[in-house]
Amino acid sequence: MEEKKYQPSDYKSDQYVRWCPGCGDHAILNVLHKAMAELGVAPERTAVISGIGCSSRLPYYMNTYGFHTIHGRAAAIATGFKVANPEMTVWQISGDGDGLAIGGNHFIHAVRRNVDLNMLLLNNRIYGLTKGQYSPTSARGFVSKSSPYGTTEDPFIPAELVFGARGTFFARSLDVELKISQEVMVAAARHHGASVVELLQNCVIFNQGIHSYVSAKENRPDHTIHLRHGEKMIFGADGNKGIVQDGFGLKAVTIGEDGYTIDDVLTHDAHCSNNFLHQQLAMMDGVTMPLALGVIRDVDAPVYDREVAAQTETVKASKPYSTLRDMILAGETWTVK
């Protein structure tokens, strides 16, 4: 029997998309449909689970199984769903507020457990649904409705949380980088374990241009670098800049200047066990060093839901019963007349 080829339209629901015109969520939704078609997993074998927030409306626009759950609990519910239905492909959609504030505890433990979830973290550094309060990723000094004189705290950096929880997959893209976004979504789904994809997304109403220092067309060549496994870490409008090792750190250089050659430029290895190097790449800020886009880390480790399923089968095989009724009747019984 010939395998069915799916189109992006096969994953689209008939619901009107209710996001503000110009919101970065539109592009991410469009790319997700394309990534699912490329992966070829049937819609009925796919579930999309979200919490609360603008981005969390996304399940309504999918022709798949979907759960629009409660604030901050997307990771917890997605974990339960995946463990109960290990044959399903599960996508978790969270915003920076939903996923890293009230949902921060569930986020780090889903990553730590290495549950086989494709976790898309849409980061616009603002609470958009509730009309413009600062979020866990808003920068120190950020002025918002809930911080009219500027925040007095430092933000979470999603990559830092993922690496702190010993994450096995981390990737990043921009809402305006459609090809890179599709590339990392497909890679996330093919990874076995918890995959975290940070998508830097623009909120046109409450945080317009927050990522423009890296996302603006004129800024992207010199302020971002697209990492590809097995390829040199080269960037720049003229393709003449690269990332080199500088003691225990990294440095951006111009190839051909100060004695640096192409041989000095690092080659990206997303699969190596060097967690420290991957973290250094993920922490580049787009200002002093180019912001890393693409798959930064993709390594193998035991997968939680697979381990639970294997353990369950092992225990069942060692017991004289296979149903709840058999278990209840397996011990000493008596009859009341």
C-alpha atoms as a PDB file:
ATOM      1  CA  MET A   1       0.000   0.000   0.000  1.00  0.00           C
ATOM      2  CA  GLU A   2       1.416   3.376  -1.015  1.00  0.00           C
ATOM      3  CA  GLU A   3       2.148   5.718   1.895  1.00  0.00           C
ATOM      4  CA  LYS A   4      -0.134   8.738   1.895  1.00  0.00           C
ATOM      5  CA  LYS A   5       1.460  12.096   1.163  1.00  0.00           C
ATOM      6  CA  TYR A   6       0.072  14.877   3.317  1.00  0.00           C
ATOM      7  CA  GLN A   7      -0.246  18.547   2.422  1.00  0.00           C
ATOM      8  CA  PRO A   8      -0.142  21.507   4.837  1.00  0.00           C
ATOM      9  CA  SER A   9      -3.875  21.950   4.245  1.00  0.00           C
ATOM     10  CA  ASP A  10      -4.492  18.508   5.770  1.00  0.00           C
ATOM     11  CA  TYR A  11      -3.471  19.931   9.156  1.00  0.00           C
ATOM     12  CA  LYS A  12      -5.523  23.128   8.967  1.00  0.00           C
ATOM     13  CA  SER A  13      -8.854  23.411  10.733  1.00  0.00           C
ATOM     14  CA  ASP A  14     -11.803  25.394   9.392  1.00  0.00           C
ATOM     15  CA  GLN A  15     -11.607  27.934  12.216  1.00  0.00           C
ATOM     16  CA  TYR A  16     -10.988  31.625  11.585  1.00  0.00           C
ATOM     17  CA  VAL A  17      -7.525  32.528  12.930  1.00  0.00           C
ATOM     18  CA  ARG A  18      -8.084  35.098  15.687  1.00  0.00           C
ATOM     19  CA  TRP A  19      -4.730  36.777  16.134  1.00  0.00           C
ATOM     20  CA  CYS A  20      -3.946  40.427  15.522  1.00  0.00           C
ATOM     21  CA  PRO A  21      -2.987  41.195  11.907  1.00  0.00           C
ATOM     22  CA  GLY A  22       0.800  41.148  11.714  1.00  0.00           C
ATOM     23  CA  CYS A  23       1.280  38.953  14.795  1.00  0.00           C
ATOM     24  CA  GLY A  24       4.218  36.567  14.487  1.00  0.00           C
ATOM     25  CA  ASP A  25       1.942  33.695  15.512  1.00  0.00           C
ATOM     26  CA  HIS A  26       0.493  33.637  11.980  1.00  0.00           C
ATOM     27  CA  ALA A  27       3.869  32.772  10.452  1.00  0.00           C
ATOM     28  CA  ILE A  28       4.587  30.136  13.110  1.00  0.00           C
ATOM     29  CA  LEU A  29       1.221  28.456  12.543  1.00  0.00           C
ATOM     30  CA  ASN A  30       1.818  28.419   8.771  1.00  0.00           C
ATOM     31  CA  VAL A  31       5.264  26.873   9.233  1.00  0.00           C
ATOM     32  CA  LEU A  32       3.941  24.260  11.671  1.00  0.00           C
ATOM     33  CA  HIS A  33       1.412  23.076   9.063  1.00  0.00           C
ATOM     34  CA  LYS A  34       4.255  22.734   6.539  1.00  0.00           C
ATOM     35  CA  ALA A  35       6.521  20.944   9.020  1.00  0.00           C
ATOM     36  CA  MET A  36       3.788  18.428   9.837  1.00  0.00           C
ATOM     37  CA  ALA A  37       3.253  17.743   6.132  1.00  0.00           C
ATOM     38  CA  GLU A  38       6.983  17.188   5.685  1.00  0.00           C
ATOM     39  CA  LEU A  39       7.031  14.768   8.620  1.00  0.00           C
ATOM     40  CA  GLY A  40       4.071  12.875   7.211  1.00  0.00           C
ATOM     41  CA  VAL A  41       2.516  11.874  10.543  1.00  0.00           C
ATOM     42  CA  ALA A  42      -1.240  11.506  10.061  1.00  0.00           C
ATOM     43  CA  PRO A  43      -3.410  14.202  11.677  1.00  0.00           C
ATOM     44  CA  GLU A  44      -5.210  11.534  13.705  1.00  0.00           C
ATOM     45  CA  ARG A  45      -1.831  10.454  15.143  1.00  0.00           C
ATOM     46  CA  THR A  46      -1.019  14.002  16.227  1.00  0.00           C
ATOM     47  CA  ALA A  47      -2.022  16.049  19.270  1.00  0.00           C
ATOM     48  CA  VAL A  48      -1.408  19.743  19.909  1.00  0.00           C
ATOM     49  CA  ILE A  49      -1.605  20.838  23.545  1.00  0.00           C
ATOM     50  CA  SER A  50      -1.417  24.373  24.906  1.00  0.00           C
ATOM     51  CA  GLY A  51      -1.898  26.388  28.068  1.00  0.00           C
ATOM     52  CA  ILE A  52      -3.270  29.940  28.200  1.00  0.00           C
ATOM     53  CA  GLY A  53      -2.159  32.965  26.199  1.00  0.00           C
ATOM     54  CA  CYS A  54      -2.278  34.341  22.675  1.00  0.00           C
ATOM     55  CA  SER A  55      -0.112  31.530  21.299  1.00  0.00           C
ATOM     56  CA  SER A  56      -2.168  28.956  23.191  1.00  0.00           C
ATOM     57  CA  ARG A  57      -5.083  29.479  20.819  1.00  0.00           C
ATOM     58  CA  LEU A  58      -3.093  27.503  18.241  1.00  0.00           C
ATOM     59  CA  PRO A  59      -4.808  24.097  18.773  1.00  0.00           C
ATOM     60  CA  TYR A  60      -8.058  25.579  17.407  1.00  0.00           C
ATOM     61  CA  TYR A  61      -6.353  26.037  14.060  1.00  0.00           C
ATOM     62  CA  MET A  62      -5.144  22.447  13.756  1.00  0.00           C
ATOM     63  CA  ASN A  63      -6.981  19.541  12.146  1.00  0.00           C
ATOM     64  CA  THR A  64      -5.519  17.213  14.775  1.00  0.00           C
ATOM     65  CA  TYR A  65      -6.387  16.208  18.296  1.00  0.00           C
ATOM     66  CA  GLY A  66      -5.995  19.221  20.539  1.00  0.00           C
ATOM     67  CA  PHE A  67      -6.239  20.410  24.119  1.00  0.00           C
ATOM     68  CA  HIS A  68      -6.517  24.062  25.130  1.00  0.00           C
ATOM     69  CA  THR A  69      -5.764  23.497  28.794  1.00  0.00           C
ATOM     70  CA  ILE A  70      -5.149  25.750  31.804  1.00  0.00           C
ATOM     71  CA  HIS A  71      -2.541  28.361  32.587  1.00  0.00           C
ATOM     72  CA  GLY A  72       0.961  26.932  32.857  1.00  0.00           C
ATOM     73  CA  ARG A  73      -0.127  23.296  32.758  1.00  0.00           C
ATOM     74  CA  ALA A  74       0.518  22.449  29.101  1.00  0.00           C
ATOM     75  CA  ALA A  75       3.683  20.461  29.895  1.00  0.00           C
ATOM     76  CA  ALA A  76       2.002  18.488  32.685  1.00  0.00           C
ATOM     77  CA  ILE A  77      -1.001  17.550  30.557  1.00  0.00           C
ATOM     78  CA  ALA A  78       1.163  16.839  27.504  1.00  0.00           C
ATOM     79  CA  THR A  79       3.317  14.532  29.638  1.00  0.00           C
ATOM     80  CA  GLY A  80       0.283  12.583  30.844  1.00  0.00           C
ATOM     81  CA  PHE A  81      -1.117  12.353  27.326  1.00  0.00           C
ATOM     82  CA  LYS A  82       2.171  11.101  25.872  1.00  0.00           C
ATOM     83  CA  VAL A  83       2.736   8.493  28.573  1.00  0.00           C
ATOM     84  CA  ALA A  84      -0.831   7.188  28.095  1.00  0.00           C
ATOM     85  CA  ASN A  85      -0.561   7.337  24.275  1.00  0.00           C
ATOM     86  CA  PRO A  86       3.112   6.719  23.408  1.00  0.00           C
ATOM     87  CA  GLU A  87       2.284   6.116  19.737  1.00  0.00           C
ATOM     88  CA  MET A  88       1.044   9.705  19.301  1.00  0.00           C
ATOM     89  CA  THR A  89       3.176  12.650  18.176  1.00  0.00           C
ATOM     90  CA  VAL A  90       2.634  15.436  20.716  1.00  0.00           C
ATOM     91  CA  TRP A  91       3.266  19.139  20.168  1.00  0.00           C
ATOM     92  CA  GLN A  92       3.191  21.490  23.146  1.00  0.00           C
ATOM     93  CA  ILE A  93       2.583  25.190  22.479  1.00  0.00           C
ATOM     94  CA  SER A  94       3.502  27.700  25.199  1.00  0.00           C
ATOM     95  CA  GLY A  95       4.224  31.396  25.455  1.00  0.00           C
ATOM     96  CA  ASP A  96       7.016  32.852  27.572  1.00  0.00           C
ATOM     97  CA  GLY A  97       4.504  33.806  30.272  1.00  0.00           C
ATOM     98  CA  ASP A  98       2.474  30.610  30.237  1.00  0.00           C
ATOM     99  CA  GLY A  99       5.520  28.347  29.920  1.00  0.00           C
ATOM    100  CA  LEU A 100       8.095  30.051  32.138  1.00  0.00           C
ATOM    101  CA  ALA A 101       6.094  31.810  34.865  1.00  0.00           C
ATOM    102  CA  ILE A 102       3.260  29.745  36.335  1.00  0.00           C
ATOM    103  CA  GLY A 103       4.350  26.858  34.087  1.00  0.00           C
ATOM    104  CA  GLY A 104       8.082  27.102  34.778  1.00  0.00           C
ATOM    105  CA  ASN A 105       8.155  24.148  37.168  1.00  0.00           C
ATOM    106  CA  HIS A 106       6.374  21.874  34.690  1.00  0.00           C
ATOM    107  CA  PHE A 107       8.625  23.110  31.876  1.00  0.00           C
ATOM    108  CA  ILE A 108      11.930  22.235  33.554  1.00  0.00           C
ATOM    109  CA  HIS A 109      10.699  18.839  34.749  1.00  0.00           C
ATOM    110  CA  ALA A 110       9.381  17.840  31.314  1.00  0.00           C
ATOM    111  CA  VAL A 111      12.844  18.697  29.987  1.00  0.00           C
ATOM    112  CA  ARG A 112      14.616  16.934  32.873  1.00  0.00           C
ATOM    113  CA  ARG A 113      12.546  13.785  32.425  1.00  0.00           C
ATOM    114  CA  ASN A 114      13.170  13.879  28.674  1.00  0.00           C
ATOM    115  CA  VAL A 115       9.525  13.264  27.788  1.00  0.00           C
ATOM    116  CA  ASP A 116       9.072  12.810  24.036  1.00  0.00           C
ATOM    117  CA  LEU A 117       7.355  16.161  23.448  1.00  0.00           C
ATOM    118  CA  ASN A 118       7.902  18.772  20.753  1.00  0.00           C
ATOM    119  CA  MET A 119       7.814  21.938  22.870  1.00  0.00           C
ATOM    120  CA  LEU A 120       7.408  25.194  20.947  1.00  0.00           C
ATOM    121  CA  LEU A 121       8.126  28.202  23.171  1.00  0.00           C
ATOM    122  CA  LEU A 122       6.836  31.395  21.540  1.00  0.00           C
ATOM    123  CA  ASN A 123       8.782  34.220  23.133  1.00  0.00           C
ATOM    124  CA  ASN A 124       7.577  37.803  22.611  1.00  0.00           C
ATOM    125  CA  ARG A 125       8.777  38.989  26.038  1.00  0.00           C
ATOM    126  CA  ILE A 126       5.354  40.313  27.023  1.00  0.00           C
ATOM    127  CA  TYR A 127       1.943  39.195  28.284  1.00  0.00           C
ATOM    128  CA  GLY A 128      -0.115  39.988  25.193  1.00  0.00           C
ATOM    129  CA  LEU A 129      -3.440  38.329  26.028  1.00  0.00           C
ATOM    130  CA  THR A 130      -3.790  40.263  29.283  1.00  0.00           C
ATOM    131  CA  LYS A 131      -2.813  43.509  27.549  1.00  0.00           C
ATOM    132  CA  GLY A 132       0.849  44.236  28.072  1.00  0.00           C
ATOM    133  CA  GLN A 133       2.386  43.231  31.395  1.00  0.00           C
ATOM    134  CA  TYR A 134       6.070  42.284  31.572  1.00  0.00           C
ATOM    135  CA  SER A 135       6.891  38.567  31.365  1.00  0.00           C
ATOM    136  CA  PRO A 136       9.648  36.306  32.752  1.00  0.00           C
ATOM    137  CA  THR A 137      11.746  37.035  29.638  1.00  0.00           C
ATOM    138  CA  SER A 138      11.364  40.846  29.682  1.00  0.00           C
ATOM    139  CA  ALA A 139      14.691  42.646  30.115  1.00  0.00           C
ATOM    140  CA  ARG A 140      15.680  44.498  33.289  1.00  0.00           C
ATOM    141  CA  GLY A 141      14.324  48.044  33.089  1.00  0.00           C
ATOM    142  CA  PHE A 142      11.546  47.118  30.652  1.00  0.00           C
ATOM    143  CA  VAL A 143       8.616  49.542  30.897  1.00  0.00           C
ATOM    144  CA  SER A 144       5.165  47.959  30.730  1.00  0.00           C
ATOM    145  CA  LYS A 145       1.705  48.339  32.253  1.00  0.00           C
ATOM    146  CA  SER A 146       2.805  46.317  35.277  1.00  0.00           C
ATOM    147  CA  SER A 147       6.253  47.977  35.464  1.00  0.00           C
ATOM    148  CA  PRO A 148       5.635  51.663  34.613  1.00  0.00           C
ATOM    149  CA  TYR A 149       9.048  52.671  35.994  1.00  0.00           C
ATOM    150  CA  GLY A 150      10.896  49.676  34.544  1.00  0.00           C
ATOM    151  CA  THR A 151      11.365  46.146  35.868  1.00  0.00           C
ATOM    152  CA  THR A 152      13.815  45.647  38.713  1.00  0.00           C
ATOM    153  CA  GLU A 153      14.639  42.023  37.956  1.00  0.00           C
ATOM    154  CA  ASP A 154      16.668  40.015  35.477  1.00  0.00           C
ATOM    155  CA  PRO A 155      14.890  37.781  32.952  1.00  0.00           C
ATOM    156  CA  PHE A 156      14.947  34.065  32.372  1.00  0.00           C
ATOM    157  CA  ILE A 157      16.927  32.996  29.336  1.00  0.00           C
ATOM    158  CA  PRO A 158      15.054  29.940  27.957  1.00  0.00           C
ATOM    159  CA  ALA A 159      18.244  28.270  26.696  1.00  0.00           C
ATOM    160  CA  GLU A 160      19.792  28.547  30.148  1.00  0.00           C
ATOM    161  CA  LEU A 161      16.795  26.793  31.712  1.00  0.00           C
ATOM    162  CA  VAL A 162      16.929  24.005  29.133  1.00  0.00           C
ATOM    163  CA  PHE A 163      20.622  23.366  29.682  1.00  0.00           C
ATOM    164  CA  GLY A 164      20.227  23.652  33.445  1.00  0.00           C
ATOM    165  CA  ALA A 165      17.618  20.881  33.239  1.00  0.00           C
ATOM    166  CA  ARG A 166      20.040  18.762  31.145  1.00  0.00           C
ATOM    167  CA  GLY A 167      17.975  19.149  27.987  1.00  0.00           C
ATOM    168  CA  THR A 168      18.837  16.941  25.032  1.00  0.00           C
ATOM    169  CA  PHE A 169      17.467  19.177  22.261  1.00  0.00           C
ATOM    170  CA  PHE A 170      17.433  22.928  21.891  1.00  0.00           C
ATOM    171  CA  ALA A 171      16.857  24.983  18.760  1.00  0.00           C
ATOM    172  CA  ARG A 172      15.944  28.565  17.998  1.00  0.00           C
ATOM    173  CA  SER A 173      14.404  30.566  15.189  1.00  0.00           C
ATOM    174  CA  LEU A 174      12.707  33.874  14.410  1.00  0.00           C
ATOM    175  CA  ASP A 175       9.113  34.253  13.288  1.00  0.00           C
ATOM    176  CA  VAL A 176      10.414  35.907  10.100  1.00  0.00           C
ATOM    177  CA  GLU A 177      12.831  33.040   9.319  1.00  0.00           C
ATOM    178  CA  LEU A 178      10.328  30.635   7.800  1.00  0.00           C
ATOM    179  CA  LYS A 179      12.798  28.116   6.362  1.00  0.00           C
ATOM    180  CA  ILE A 180      14.824  27.897   9.555  1.00  0.00           C
ATOM    181  CA  SER A 181      11.638  27.578  11.616  1.00  0.00           C
ATOM    182  CA  GLN A 182      10.447  24.652   9.491  1.00  0.00           C
ATOM    183  CA  GLU A 183      13.896  23.070   9.647  1.00  0.00           C
ATOM    184  CA  VAL A 184      14.033  23.144  13.452  1.00  0.00           C
ATOM    185  CA  MET A 185      10.442  21.983  13.898  1.00  0.00           C
ATOM    186  CA  VAL A 186      11.088  18.936  11.714  1.00  0.00           C
ATOM    187  CA  ALA A 187      14.329  18.206  13.579  1.00  0.00           C
ATOM    188  CA  ALA A 188      12.513  18.564  16.919  1.00  0.00           C
ATOM    189  CA  ALA A 189       9.861  16.039  15.904  1.00  0.00           C
ATOM    190  CA  ARG A 190      12.489  13.554  14.723  1.00  0.00           C
ATOM    191  CA  HIS A 191      14.393  13.827  17.991  1.00  0.00           C
ATOM    192  CA  HIS A 192      13.553  11.177  20.608  1.00  0.00           C
ATOM    193  CA  GLY A 193      12.940  12.992  23.867  1.00  0.00           C
ATOM    194  CA  ALA A 194      12.050  16.514  24.969  1.00  0.00           C
ATOM    195  CA  SER A 195      12.664  18.983  22.144  1.00  0.00           C
ATOM    196  CA  VAL A 196      12.561  22.688  22.956  1.00  0.00           C
ATOM    197  CA  VAL A 197      12.305  25.179  20.100  1.00  0.00           C
ATOM    198  CA  GLU A 198      12.434  28.850  21.098  1.00  0.00           C
ATOM    199  CA  LEU A 199      10.659  31.014  18.531  1.00  0.00           C
ATOM    200  CA  LEU A 200      11.348  34.726  18.923  1.00  0.00           C
ATOM    201  CA  GLN A 201       8.019  36.241  17.973  1.00  0.00           C
ATOM    202  CA  ASN A 202       6.820  39.808  17.538  1.00  0.00           C
ATOM    203  CA  CYS A 203       3.767  41.265  19.304  1.00  0.00           C
ATOM    204  CA  VAL A 204       2.650  44.133  17.078  1.00  0.00           C
ATOM    205  CA  ILE A 205       0.343  45.647  19.703  1.00  0.00           C
ATOM    206  CA  PHE A 206       2.174  45.525  23.023  1.00  0.00           C
ATOM    207  CA  ASN A 207       5.846  44.873  22.153  1.00  0.00           C
ATOM    208  CA  GLN A 208       6.377  45.940  18.562  1.00  0.00           C
ATOM    209  CA  GLY A 209       9.945  45.406  17.328  1.00  0.00           C
ATOM    210  CA  ILE A 210      11.235  43.772  20.522  1.00  0.00           C
ATOM    211  CA  HIS A 211      13.462  41.430  18.495  1.00  0.00           C
ATOM    212  CA  SER A 212      14.299  43.874  15.698  1.00  0.00           C
ATOM    213  CA  TYR A 213      17.953  44.091  16.776  1.00  0.00           C
ATOM    214  CA  VAL A 214      18.293  40.594  15.306  1.00  0.00           C
ATOM    215  CA  SER A 215      15.134  40.118  13.224  1.00  0.00           C
ATOM    216  CA  ALA A 216      15.173  43.266  11.063  1.00  0.00           C
ATOM    217  CA  LYS A 217      16.251  42.368   7.542  1.00  0.00           C
ATOM    218  CA  GLU A 218      19.233  44.710   7.635  1.00  0.00           C
ATOM    219  CA  ASN A 219      20.397  43.363  11.018  1.00  0.00           C
ATOM    220  CA  ARG A 220      20.043  39.626  10.494  1.00  0.00           C
ATOM    221  CA  PRO A 221      23.219  38.898   8.473  1.00  0.00           C
ATOM    222  CA  ASP A 222      25.618  40.346  11.071  1.00  0.00           C
ATOM    223  CA  HIS A 223      23.618  39.693  14.233  1.00  0.00           C
ATOM    224  CA  THR A 224      22.503  36.077  13.708  1.00  0.00           C
ATOM    225  CA  ILE A 225      24.221  32.868  12.707  1.00  0.00           C
ATOM    226  CA  HIS A 226      22.455  29.843  11.240  1.00  0.00           C
ATOM    227  CA  LEU A 227      24.101  26.775  12.782  1.00  0.00           C
ATOM    228  CA  ARG A 228      24.055  23.599  10.707  1.00  0.00           C
ATOM    229  CA  HIS A 229      25.450  20.296  11.926  1.00  0.00           C
ATOM    230  CA  GLY A 230      28.744  19.474  10.210  1.00  0.00           C
ATOM    231  CA  GLU A 231      29.217  22.958   8.745  1.00  0.00           C
ATOM    232  CA  LYS A 232      31.540  25.821   9.641  1.00  0.00           C
ATOM    233  CA  MET A 233      30.118  28.512  11.923  1.00  0.00           C
ATOM    234  CA  ILE A 234      30.136  31.307   9.351  1.00  0.00           C
ATOM    235  CA  PHE A 235      27.929  34.398   9.237  1.00  0.00           C
ATOM    236  CA  GLY A 236      27.850  37.991   8.037  1.00  0.00           C
ATOM    237  CA  ALA A 237      26.445  39.821   5.034  1.00  0.00           C
ATOM    238  CA  ASP A 238      29.552  38.861   3.062  1.00  0.00           C
ATOM    239  CA  GLY A 239      29.950  35.427   4.657  1.00  0.00           C
ATOM    240  CA  ASN A 240      33.359  36.461   5.955  1.00  0.00           C
ATOM    241  CA  LYS A 241      32.803  36.201   9.703  1.00  0.00           C
ATOM    242  CA  GLY A 242      33.120  33.154  11.899  1.00  0.00           C
ATOM    243  CA  ILE A 243      33.069  31.790  15.453  1.00  0.00           C
ATOM    244  CA  VAL A 244      36.405  30.639  16.884  1.00  0.00           C
ATOM    245  CA  GLN A 245      37.558  29.226  20.201  1.00  0.00           C
ATOM    246  CA  ASP A 246      39.097  31.855  22.444  1.00  0.00           C
ATOM    247  CA  GLY A 247      40.507  30.166  25.526  1.00  0.00           C
ATOM    248  CA  PHE A 248      37.494  28.725  27.337  1.00  0.00           C
ATOM    249  CA  GLY A 249      35.153  31.075  25.482  1.00  0.00           C
ATOM    250  CA  LEU A 250      34.044  31.893  21.963  1.00  0.00           C
ATOM    251  CA  LYS A 251      34.856  34.887  19.789  1.00  0.00           C
ATOM    252  CA  ALA A 252      33.473  36.314  16.568  1.00  0.00           C
ATOM    253  CA  VAL A 253      36.205  37.188  14.063  1.00  0.00           C
ATOM    254  CA  THR A 254      36.590  38.377  10.495  1.00  0.00           C
ATOM    255  CA  ILE A 255      38.177  35.673   8.364  1.00  0.00           C
ATOM    256  CA  GLY A 256      41.388  36.939   6.816  1.00  0.00           C
ATOM    257  CA  GLU A 257      42.035  39.530   9.517  1.00  0.00           C
ATOM    258  CA  ASP A 258      44.314  39.289  12.579  1.00  0.00           C
ATOM    259  CA  GLY A 259      45.694  36.001  11.285  1.00  0.00           C
ATOM    260  CA  TYR A 260      42.382  34.102  11.390  1.00  0.00           C
ATOM    261  CA  THR A 261      41.682  31.664   8.550  1.00  0.00           C
ATOM    262  CA  ILE A 262      38.758  29.427   7.696  1.00  0.00           C
ATOM    263  CA  ASP A 263      40.600  26.599   9.449  1.00  0.00           C
ATOM    264  CA  ASP A 264      40.259  28.437  12.762  1.00  0.00           C
ATOM    265  CA  VAL A 265      36.466  28.632  12.449  1.00  0.00           C
ATOM    266  CA  LEU A 266      34.619  26.016  14.506  1.00  0.00           C
ATOM    267  CA  THR A 267      32.542  23.284  12.867  1.00  0.00           C
ATOM    268  CA  HIS A 268      29.136  22.807  14.463  1.00  0.00           C
ATOM    269  CA  ASP A 269      28.506  19.397  16.030  1.00  0.00           C
ATOM    270  CA  ALA A 270      24.951  19.315  17.378  1.00  0.00           C
ATOM    271  CA  HIS A 271      25.353  15.683  18.448  1.00  0.00           C
ATOM    272  CA  CYS A 272      28.519  15.928  20.546  1.00  0.00           C
ATOM    273  CA  SER A 273      28.361  15.366  24.284  1.00  0.00           C
ATOM    274  CA  ASN A 274      29.984  18.758  25.012  1.00  0.00           C
ATOM    275  CA  ASN A 275      27.114  20.381  26.851  1.00  0.00           C
ATOM    276  CA  PHE A 276      29.322  23.369  27.717  1.00  0.00           C
ATOM    277  CA  LEU A 277      30.002  24.309  24.082  1.00  0.00           C
ATOM    278  CA  HIS A 278      26.332  23.951  23.140  1.00  0.00           C
ATOM    279  CA  GLN A 279      25.368  26.187  26.052  1.00  0.00           C
ATOM    280  CA  GLN A 280      27.939  28.805  25.032  1.00  0.00           C
ATOM    281  CA  LEU A 281      26.451  28.871  21.525  1.00  0.00           C
ATOM    282  CA  ALA A 282      22.887  29.074  22.840  1.00  0.00           C
ATOM    283  CA  MET A 283      23.779  31.956  25.168  1.00  0.00           C
ATOM    284  CA  MET A 284      25.205  34.236  22.458  1.00  0.00           C
ATOM    285  CA  ASP A 285      23.066  37.356  22.693  1.00  0.00           C
ATOM    286  CA  GLY A 286      22.907  38.864  19.202  1.00  0.00           C
ATOM    287  CA  VAL A 287      24.761  41.970  20.395  1.00  0.00           C
ATOM    288  CA  THR A 288      28.334  41.121  21.364  1.00  0.00           C
ATOM    289  CA  MET A 289      28.026  37.791  19.532  1.00  0.00           C
ATOM    290  CA  PRO A 290      25.589  36.693  16.810  1.00  0.00           C
ATOM    291  CA  LEU A 291      22.382  35.052  18.022  1.00  0.00           C
ATOM    292  CA  ALA A 292      22.471  31.339  17.218  1.00  0.00           C
ATOM    293  CA  LEU A 293      19.591  30.050  15.091  1.00  0.00           C
ATOM    294  CA  GLY A 294      18.983  26.470  13.974  1.00  0.00           C
ATOM    295  CA  VAL A 295      19.521  23.233  15.896  1.00  0.00           C
ATOM    296  CA  ILE A 296      22.061  23.956  18.618  1.00  0.00           C
ATOM    297  CA  ARG A 297      21.884  20.672  20.573  1.00  0.00           C
ATOM    298  CA  ASP A 298      20.505  17.267  19.541  1.00  0.00           C
ATOM    299  CA  VAL A 299      21.804  14.327  21.600  1.00  0.00           C
ATOM    300  CA  ASP A 300      20.454  10.938  22.640  1.00  0.00           C
ATOM    301  CA  ALA A 301      19.392  10.001  26.173  1.00  0.00           C
ATOM    302  CA  PRO A 302      16.823   7.669  27.786  1.00  0.00           C
ATOM    303  CA  VAL A 303      13.272   8.796  26.973  1.00  0.00           C
ATOM    304  CA  TYR A 304      10.814   9.012  29.864  1.00  0.00           C
ATOM    305  CA  ASP A 305       7.671   7.640  28.227  1.00  0.00           C
ATOM    306  CA  ARG A 306       9.574   4.750  26.658  1.00  0.00           C
ATOM    307  CA  GLU A 307      11.154   3.902  30.004  1.00  0.00           C
ATOM    308  CA  VAL A 308       7.758   3.967  31.730  1.00  0.00           C
ATOM    309  CA  ALA A 309       6.215   1.729  29.050  1.00  0.00           C
ATOM    310  CA  ALA A 310       9.101  -0.767  29.260  1.00  0.00           C
ATOM    311  CA  GLN A 311       8.940  -0.813  33.051  1.00  0.00           C
ATOM    312  CA  THR A 312       5.194  -1.418  32.952  1.00  0.00           C
ATOM    313  CA  GLU A 313       5.613  -4.400  30.620  1.00  0.00           C
ATOM    314  CA  THR A 314       8.404  -5.835  32.774  1.00  0.00           C
ATOM    315  CA  VAL A 315       6.310  -5.614  35.944  1.00  0.00           C
ATOM    316  CA  LYS A 316       3.219  -7.048  34.206  1.00  0.00           C
ATOM    317  CA  ALA A 317       5.252 -10.015  32.975  1.00  0.00           C
ATOM    318  CA  SER A 318       6.381 -10.795  36.532  1.00  0.00           C
ATOM    319  CA  LYS A 319       2.856 -10.789  37.978  1.00  0.00           C
ATOM    320  CA  PRO A 320       0.266 -13.587  37.835  1.00  0.00           C
ATOM    321  CA  TYR A 321      -2.482 -11.179  36.766  1.00  0.00           C
ATOM    322  CA  SER A 322      -2.990  -8.743  33.909  1.00  0.00           C
ATOM    323  CA  THR A 323      -6.232  -6.966  34.860  1.00  0.00           C
ATOM    324  CA  LEU A 324      -7.437  -5.039  37.885  1.00  0.00           C
ATOM    325  CA  ARG A 325     -10.050  -7.710  38.640  1.00  0.00           C
ATOM    326  CA  ASP A 326      -7.421 -10.455  38.534  1.00  0.00           C
ATOM    327  CA  MET A 327      -5.219  -8.453  40.892  1.00  0.00           C
ATOM    328  CA  ILE A 328      -8.057  -7.936  43.398  1.00  0.00           C
ATOM    329  CA  LEU A 329      -8.873 -11.644  43.360  1.00  0.00           C
ATOM    330  CA  ALA A 330      -5.234 -12.776  43.443  1.00  0.00           C
ATOM    331  CA  GLY A 331      -4.903 -12.605  47.222  1.00  0.00           C
ATOM    332  CA  GLU A 332      -6.863 -14.197  50.011  1.00  0.00           C
ATOM    333  CA  THR A 333     -10.620 -13.859  49.394  1.00  0.00           C
ATOM    334  CA  TRP A 334     -13.791 -14.711  51.243  1.00  0.00           C
ATOM    335  CA  THR A 335     -17.493 -14.682  50.510  1.00  0.00           C
ATOM    336  CA  VAL A 336     -20.119 -12.903  52.652  1.00  0.00           C
ATOM    337  CA  LYS A 337     -23.416 -14.828  52.666  1.00  0.00           C
END
